[in-house]
PDB file of N, CA and C in Angstrom:
ATOM      1  N   MET A   1      37.165-217.078 -57.263  1.00  0.00           N
ATOM      2  CA  MET A   1      35.930-217.429 -57.244  1.00  0.00           C
ATOM      3  C   MET A   1      34.921-216.244 -57.116  1.00  0.00           C
ATOM      4  N   GLN A   2      34.081-216.215 -58.015  1.00  0.00           N
ATOM      5  CA  GLN A   2      33.152-215.051 -58.072  1.00  0.00           C
ATOM      6  C   GLN A   2      31.962-215.389 -57.304  1.00  0.00           C
ATOM      7  N   VAL A   3      31.487-214.595 -56.292  1.00  0.00           N
ATOM      8  CA  VAL A   3      30.210-214.931 -55.632  1.00  0.00           C
ATOM      9  C   VAL A   3      29.101-214.134 -56.217  1.00  0.00           C
ATOM     10  N   ARG A   4      28.027-214.733 -56.474  1.00  0.00           N
ATOM     11  CA  ARG A   4      26.823-214.142 -57.131  1.00  0.00           C
ATOM     12  C   ARG A   4      26.477-212.757 -56.362  1.00  0.00           C
ATOM     13  N   GLY A   5      26.389-211.597 -56.887  1.00  0.00           N
ATOM     14  CA  GLY A   5      25.863-210.395 -56.179  1.00  0.00           C
ATOM     15  C   GLY A   5      27.008-209.866 -55.392  1.00  0.00           C
ATOM     16  N   GLN A   6      28.278-210.247 -55.461  1.00  0.00           N
ATOM     17  CA  GLN A   6      29.402-209.670 -54.787  1.00  0.00           C
ATOM     18  C   GLN A   6      29.773-208.320 -55.302  1.00  0.00           C
ATOM     19  N   SER A   7      29.816-208.079 -56.674  1.00  0.00           N
ATOM     20  CA  SER A   7      30.082-206.870 -57.230  1.00  0.00           C
ATOM     21  C   SER A   7      29.184-205.680 -56.892  1.00  0.00           C
ATOM     22  N   ARG A   8      27.850-206.065 -56.780  1.00  0.00           N
ATOM     23  CA  ARG A   8      26.729-205.017 -56.477  1.00  0.00           C
ATOM     24  C   ARG A   8      26.962-204.688 -55.042  1.00  0.00           C
ATOM     25  N   LEU A   9      27.162-205.708 -54.064  1.00  0.00           N
ATOM     26  CA  LEU A   9      27.421-205.461 -52.707  1.00  0.00           C
ATOM     27  C   LEU A   9      28.565-204.530 -52.394  1.00  0.00           C
ATOM     28  N   ALA A  10      29.658-204.710 -53.268  1.00  0.00           N
ATOM     29  CA  ALA A  10      30.846-203.945 -53.005  1.00  0.00           C
ATOM     30  C   ALA A  10      30.555-202.549 -53.391  1.00  0.00           C
ATOM     31  N   LYS A  11      29.823-202.270 -54.524  1.00  0.00           N
ATOM     32  CA  LYS A  11      29.322-200.878 -54.963  1.00  0.00           C
ATOM     33  C   LYS A  11      28.447-200.209 -53.846  1.00  0.00           C
ATOM     34  N   GLU A  12      27.550-200.992 -53.395  1.00  0.00           N
ATOM     35  CA  GLU A  12      26.553-200.491 -52.252  1.00  0.00           C
ATOM     36  C   GLU A  12      27.374-200.144 -51.017  1.00  0.00           C
ATOM     37  N   SER A  13      28.360-200.901 -50.598  1.00  0.00           N
ATOM     38  CA  SER A  13      28.992-200.649 -49.434  1.00  0.00           C
ATOM     39  C   SER A  13      30.018-199.710 -49.460  1.00  0.00           C
ATOM     40  N   SER A  14      30.510-199.247 -50.694  1.00  0.00           N
ATOM     41  CA  SER A  14      31.516-198.258 -50.898  1.00  0.00           C
ATOM     42  C   SER A  14      31.071-196.936 -50.287  1.00  0.00           C
ATOM     43  N   GLY A  15      29.642-196.649 -50.477  1.00  0.00           N
ATOM     44  CA  GLY A  15      29.180-195.344 -49.936  1.00  0.00           C
ATOM     45  C   GLY A  15      29.425-194.322 -51.049  1.00  0.00           C
ATOM     46  N   THR A  16      29.682-194.538 -52.203  1.00  0.00           N
ATOM     47  CA  THR A  16      29.965-193.654 -53.234  1.00  0.00           C
ATOM     48  C   THR A  16      29.101-193.958 -54.395  1.00  0.00           C
ATOM     49  N   PRO A  17      28.616-192.920 -55.264  1.00  0.00           N
ATOM     50  CA  PRO A  17      27.812-193.263 -56.285  1.00  0.00           C
ATOM     51  C   PRO A  17      28.575-194.069 -57.273  1.00  0.00           C
ATOM     52  N   GLU A  18      27.859-194.792 -58.196  1.00  0.00           N
ATOM     53  CA  GLU A  18      28.589-195.708 -59.028  1.00  0.00           C
ATOM     54  C   GLU A  18      29.372-194.988 -60.074  1.00  0.00           C
ATOM     55  N   GLY A  19      29.016-193.812 -60.576  1.00  0.00           N
ATOM     56  CA  GLY A  19      29.894-193.048 -61.465  1.00  0.00           C
ATOM     57  C   GLY A  19      31.006-192.246 -60.980  1.00  0.00           C
ATOM     58  N   ASP A  20      30.991-192.103 -59.522  1.00  0.00           N
ATOM     59  CA  ASP A  20      32.059-191.193 -58.788  1.00  0.00           C
ATOM     60  C   ASP A  20      33.165-192.207 -58.494  1.00  0.00           C
ATOM     61  N   LYS A  21      34.241-191.986 -59.162  1.00  0.00           N
ATOM     62  CA  LYS A  21      35.464-192.788 -58.831  1.00  0.00           C
ATOM     63  C   LYS A  21      36.411-192.148 -57.881  1.00  0.00           C
ATOM     64  N   SER A  22      36.143-190.816 -57.554  1.00  0.00           N
ATOM     65  CA  SER A  22      37.169-190.227 -56.767  1.00  0.00           C
ATOM     66  C   SER A  22      36.999-190.582 -55.254  1.00  0.00           C
ATOM     67  N   GLY A  23      35.539-190.765 -54.892  1.00  0.00           N
ATOM     68  CA  GLY A  23      35.270-191.056 -53.485  1.00  0.00           C
ATOM     69  C   GLY A  23      35.262-189.771 -52.627  1.00  0.00           C
ATOM     70  N   LYS A  24      35.190-188.597 -53.143  1.00  0.00           N
ATOM     71  CA  LYS A  24      35.172-187.467 -52.586  1.00  0.00           C
ATOM     72  C   LYS A  24      33.869-186.722 -53.012  1.00  0.00           C
ATOM     73  N   LYS A  25      33.404-186.005 -52.112  1.00  0.00           N
ATOM     74  CA  LYS A  25      32.108-185.094 -52.390  1.00  0.00           C
ATOM     75  C   LYS A  25      32.557-183.845 -53.178  1.00  0.00           C
ATOM     76  N   SER A  26      31.836-183.347 -54.100  1.00  0.00           N
ATOM     77  CA  SER A  26      32.337-182.224 -54.694  1.00  0.00           C
ATOM     78  C   SER A  26      32.185-180.966 -53.972  1.00  0.00           C
ATOM     79  N   THR A  27      32.926-180.072 -54.261  1.00  0.00           N
ATOM     80  CA  THR A  27      33.096-178.757 -53.516  1.00  0.00           C
ATOM     81  C   THR A  27      31.701-178.220 -53.246  1.00  0.00           C
ATOM     82  N   LEU A  28      30.975-178.254 -54.389  1.00  0.00           N
ATOM     83  CA  LEU A  28      29.489-177.516 -54.410  1.00  0.00           C
ATOM     84  C   LEU A  28      28.670-178.251 -53.482  1.00  0.00           C
ATOM     85  N   ARG A  29      28.747-179.579 -53.391  1.00  0.00           N
ATOM     86  CA  ARG A  29      27.900-180.352 -52.484  1.00  0.00           C
ATOM     87  C   ARG A  29      28.337-180.161 -51.078  1.00  0.00           C
ATOM     88  N   GLN A  30      29.549-179.988 -50.907  1.00  0.00           N
ATOM     89  CA  GLN A  30      29.981-179.755 -49.588  1.00  0.00           C
ATOM     90  C   GLN A  30      29.502-178.407 -49.050  1.00  0.00           C
ATOM     91  N   ARG A  31      29.492-177.447 -49.935  1.00  0.00           N
ATOM     92  CA  ARG A  31      29.074-176.071 -49.545  1.00  0.00           C
ATOM     93  C   ARG A  31      27.456-176.073 -49.243  1.00  0.00           C
ATOM     94  N   GLU A  32      26.789-176.928 -50.047  1.00  0.00           N
ATOM     95  CA  GLU A  32      25.268-177.052 -49.790  1.00  0.00           C
ATOM     96  C   GLU A  32      25.164-177.688 -48.464  1.00  0.00           C
ATOM     97  N   GLU A  33      25.738-178.608 -47.991  1.00  0.00           N
ATOM     98  CA  GLU A  33      25.553-179.479 -47.021  1.00  0.00           C
ATOM     99  C   GLU A  33      26.122-178.824 -45.643  1.00  0.00           C
ATOM    100  N   ALA A  34      26.952-177.979 -45.595  1.00  0.00           N
ATOM    101  CA  ALA A  34      27.573-177.190 -44.482  1.00  0.00           C
ATOM    102  C   ALA A  34      26.575-176.618 -43.662  1.00  0.00           C
ATOM    103  N   PRO A  35      25.685-175.616 -44.305  1.00  0.00           N
ATOM    104  CA  PRO A  35      24.782-174.926 -43.389  1.00  0.00           C
ATOM    105  C   PRO A  35      23.638-175.893 -43.029  1.00  0.00           C
ATOM    106  N   ARG A  36      23.213-176.872 -43.769  1.00  0.00           N
ATOM    107  CA  ARG A  36      22.300-177.742 -43.331  1.00  0.00           C
ATOM    108  C   ARG A  36      22.700-178.528 -42.045  1.00  0.00           C
ATOM    109  N   ASP A  37      24.031-178.964 -42.105  1.00  0.00           N
ATOM    110  CA  ASP A  37      24.460-179.655 -40.978  1.00  0.00           C
ATOM    111  C   ASP A  37      24.698-178.736 -39.729  1.00  0.00           C
ATOM    112  N   ALA A  38      25.037-177.489 -39.944  1.00  0.00           N
ATOM    113  CA  ALA A  38      25.101-176.571 -38.802  1.00  0.00           C
ATOM    114  C   ALA A  38      23.565-176.406 -38.289  1.00  0.00           C
ATOM    115  N   ASN A  39      22.645-176.282 -39.128  1.00  0.00           N
ATOM    116  CA  ASN A  39      21.292-176.132 -38.638  1.00  0.00           C
ATOM    117  C   ASN A  39      20.843-177.379 -37.795  1.00  0.00           C
ATOM    118  N   VAL A  40      21.252-178.510 -38.404  1.00  0.00           N
ATOM    119  CA  VAL A  40      20.749-179.749 -37.561  1.00  0.00           C
ATOM    120  C   VAL A  40      21.516-179.679 -36.216  1.00  0.00           C
ATOM    121  N   GLY A  41      22.650-179.455 -36.171  1.00  0.00           N
ATOM    122  CA  GLY A  41      23.534-179.467 -34.993  1.00  0.00           C
ATOM    123  C   GLY A  41      22.894-178.557 -33.846  1.00  0.00           C
ATOM    124  N   ASP A  42      22.544-177.336 -34.407  1.00  0.00           N
ATOM    125  CA  ASP A  42      21.894-176.292 -33.602  1.00  0.00           C
ATOM    126  C   ASP A  42      20.586-176.810 -32.999  1.00  0.00           C
ATOM    127  N   ALA A  43      19.896-177.380 -33.863  1.00  0.00           N
ATOM    128  CA  ALA A  43      18.415-177.917 -33.293  1.00  0.00           C
ATOM    129  C   ALA A  43      18.653-179.002 -32.492  1.00  0.00           C
ATOM    130  N   LEU A  44      19.645-179.906 -32.523  1.00  0.00           N
ATOM    131  CA  LEU A  44      19.746-181.036 -31.566  1.00  0.00           C
ATOM    132  C   LEU A  44      20.273-180.479 -30.280  1.00  0.00           C
ATOM    133  N   ARG A  45      21.212-179.400 -30.205  1.00  0.00           N
ATOM    134  CA  ARG A  45      21.838-178.960 -29.030  1.00  0.00           C
ATOM    135  C   ARG A  45      20.639-178.230 -28.353  1.00  0.00           C
ATOM    136  N   SER A  46      19.690-177.415 -29.013  1.00  0.00           N
ATOM    137  CA  SER A  46      18.501-176.900 -28.409  1.00  0.00           C
ATOM    138  C   SER A  46      17.557-177.919 -27.770  1.00  0.00           C
ATOM    139  N   VAL A  47      17.229-179.074 -28.610  1.00  0.00           N
ATOM    140  CA  VAL A  47      16.440-179.965 -27.808  1.00  0.00           C
ATOM    141  C   VAL A  47      17.037-180.593 -26.815  1.00  0.00           C
ATOM    142  N   TYR A  48      18.321-180.807 -26.847  1.00  0.00           N
ATOM    143  CA  TYR A  48      18.936-181.462 -25.606  1.00  0.00           C
ATOM    144  C   TYR A  48      19.027-180.647 -24.380  1.00  0.00           C
ATOM    145  N   SER A  49      19.194-179.504 -24.631  1.00  0.00           N
ATOM    146  CA  SER A  49      19.360-178.546 -23.450  1.00  0.00           C
ATOM    147  C   SER A  49      17.891-178.362 -22.881  1.00  0.00           C
ATOM    148  N   GLN A  50      16.888-178.472 -23.659  1.00  0.00           N
ATOM    149  CA  GLN A  50      15.605-178.232 -23.093  1.00  0.00           C
ATOM    150  C   GLN A  50      15.215-179.368 -22.451  1.00  0.00           C
ATOM    151  N   ALA A  51      15.632-180.633 -22.799  1.00  0.00           N
ATOM    152  CA  ALA A  51      15.484-182.005 -22.145  1.00  0.00           C
ATOM    153  C   ALA A  51      16.067-181.920 -20.806  1.00  0.00           C
ATOM    154  N   VAL A  52      17.288-181.420 -20.753  1.00  0.00           N
ATOM    155  CA  VAL A  52      18.171-181.442 -19.486  1.00  0.00           C
ATOM    156  C   VAL A  52      17.561-180.464 -18.512  1.00  0.00           C
ATOM    157  N   ASP A  53      17.069-179.435 -18.991  1.00  0.00           N
ATOM    158  CA  ASP A  53      16.324-178.365 -18.193  1.00  0.00           C
ATOM    159  C   ASP A  53      14.903-178.613 -17.530  1.00  0.00           C
ATOM    160  N   GLU A  54      14.388-179.734 -17.945  1.00  0.00           N
ATOM    161  CA  GLU A  54      12.945-180.154 -17.545  1.00  0.00           C
ATOM    162  C   GLU A  54      13.022-180.762 -16.193  1.00  0.00           C
ATOM    163  N   PRO A  55      12.211-180.520 -15.346  1.00  0.00           N
ATOM    164  CA  PRO A  55      12.235-180.934 -14.005  1.00  0.00           C
ATOM    165  C   PRO A  55      11.922-182.451 -14.116  1.00  0.00           C
ATOM    166  N   ILE A  56      12.447-183.146 -13.027  1.00  0.00           N
ATOM    167  CA  ILE A  56      12.203-184.674 -12.731  1.00  0.00           C
ATOM    168  C   ILE A  56      10.707-184.979 -12.253  1.00  0.00           C
ATOM    169  N   PRO A  57      10.000-185.726 -12.992  1.00  0.00           N
ATOM    170  CA  PRO A  57       8.734-185.986 -12.473  1.00  0.00           C
ATOM    171  C   PRO A  57       8.655-186.491 -11.129  1.00  0.00           C
ATOM    172  N   ASN A  58       7.589-186.098 -10.283  1.00  0.00           N
ATOM    173  CA  ASN A  58       7.488-186.596  -8.812  1.00  0.00           C
ATOM    174  C   ASN A  58       7.449-188.177  -8.840  1.00  0.00           C
ATOM    175  N   GLU A  59       6.802-188.827  -9.890  1.00  0.00           N
ATOM    176  CA  GLU A  59       6.703-190.253  -9.815  1.00  0.00           C
ATOM    177  C   GLU A  59       8.055-190.797  -9.925  1.00  0.00           C
ATOM    178  N   PHE A  60       8.931-190.264 -10.806  1.00  0.00           N
ATOM    179  CA  PHE A  60      10.378-190.868 -10.748  1.00  0.00           C
ATOM    180  C   PHE A  60      11.086-190.699  -9.347  1.00  0.00           C
ATOM    181  N   LEU A  61      11.007-189.411  -8.860  1.00  0.00           N
ATOM    182  CA  LEU A  61      11.631-189.314  -7.586  1.00  0.00           C
ATOM    183  C   LEU A  61      11.042-190.138  -6.438  1.00  0.00           C
ATOM    184  N   ASP A  62       9.677-190.385  -6.499  1.00  0.00           N
ATOM    185  CA  ASP A  62       9.111-191.458  -5.514  1.00  0.00           C
ATOM    186  C   ASP A  62       9.751-192.801  -5.793  1.00  0.00           C
ATOM    187  N   LEU A  63      10.031-193.340  -6.984  1.00  0.00           N
ATOM    188  CA  LEU A  63      10.453-194.479  -7.305  1.00  0.00           C
ATOM    189  C   LEU A  63      11.966-194.571  -6.815  1.00  0.00           C
ATOM    190  N   LEU A  64      12.722-193.646  -7.029  1.00  0.00           N
ATOM    191  CA  LEU A  64      14.041-193.512  -6.653  1.00  0.00           C
ATOM    192  C   LEU A  64      14.192-193.489  -5.193  1.00  0.00           C
ATOM    193  N   ASN A  65      13.459-192.815  -4.539  1.00  0.00           N
ATOM    194  CA  ASN A  65      13.385-192.884  -2.857  1.00  0.00           C
ATOM    195  C   ASN A  65      13.120-194.270  -2.454  1.00  0.00           C
ATOM    196  N   LYS A  66      12.247-194.984  -3.056  1.00  0.00           N
ATOM    197  CA  LYS A  66      11.873-196.421  -2.651  1.00  0.00           C
ATOM    198  C   LYS A  66      13.126-197.386  -2.908  1.00  0.00           C
ATOM    199  N   LEU A  67      14.019-196.966  -3.788  1.00  0.00           N
ATOM    200  CA  LEU A  67      15.145-197.907  -3.967  1.00  0.00           C
ATOM    201  C   LEU A  67      16.109-197.650  -2.815  1.00  0.00           C
ATOM    202  N   ASN A  68      16.109-196.549  -2.056  1.00  0.00           N
ATOM    203  CA  ASN A  68      17.210-196.367  -0.972  1.00  0.00           C
ATOM    204  C   ASN A  68      16.760-196.988   0.260  1.00  0.00           C
TER     205      ASN A  68
END
């Protein structure tokens, strides 16, 4: 039984472009994305370390002390 729209949904959920039958990224595309991915990773690590190094606001410490 064919469900209406089923073939379109299958194409969209496969994650590959319609013309790409291999399911793999091209080597050129992988080379282009690798530096960008590394830059994003570096930026996320930097933001995370800055957030961890920030002092805890006194208001939060007061609330935590009230819980004890």
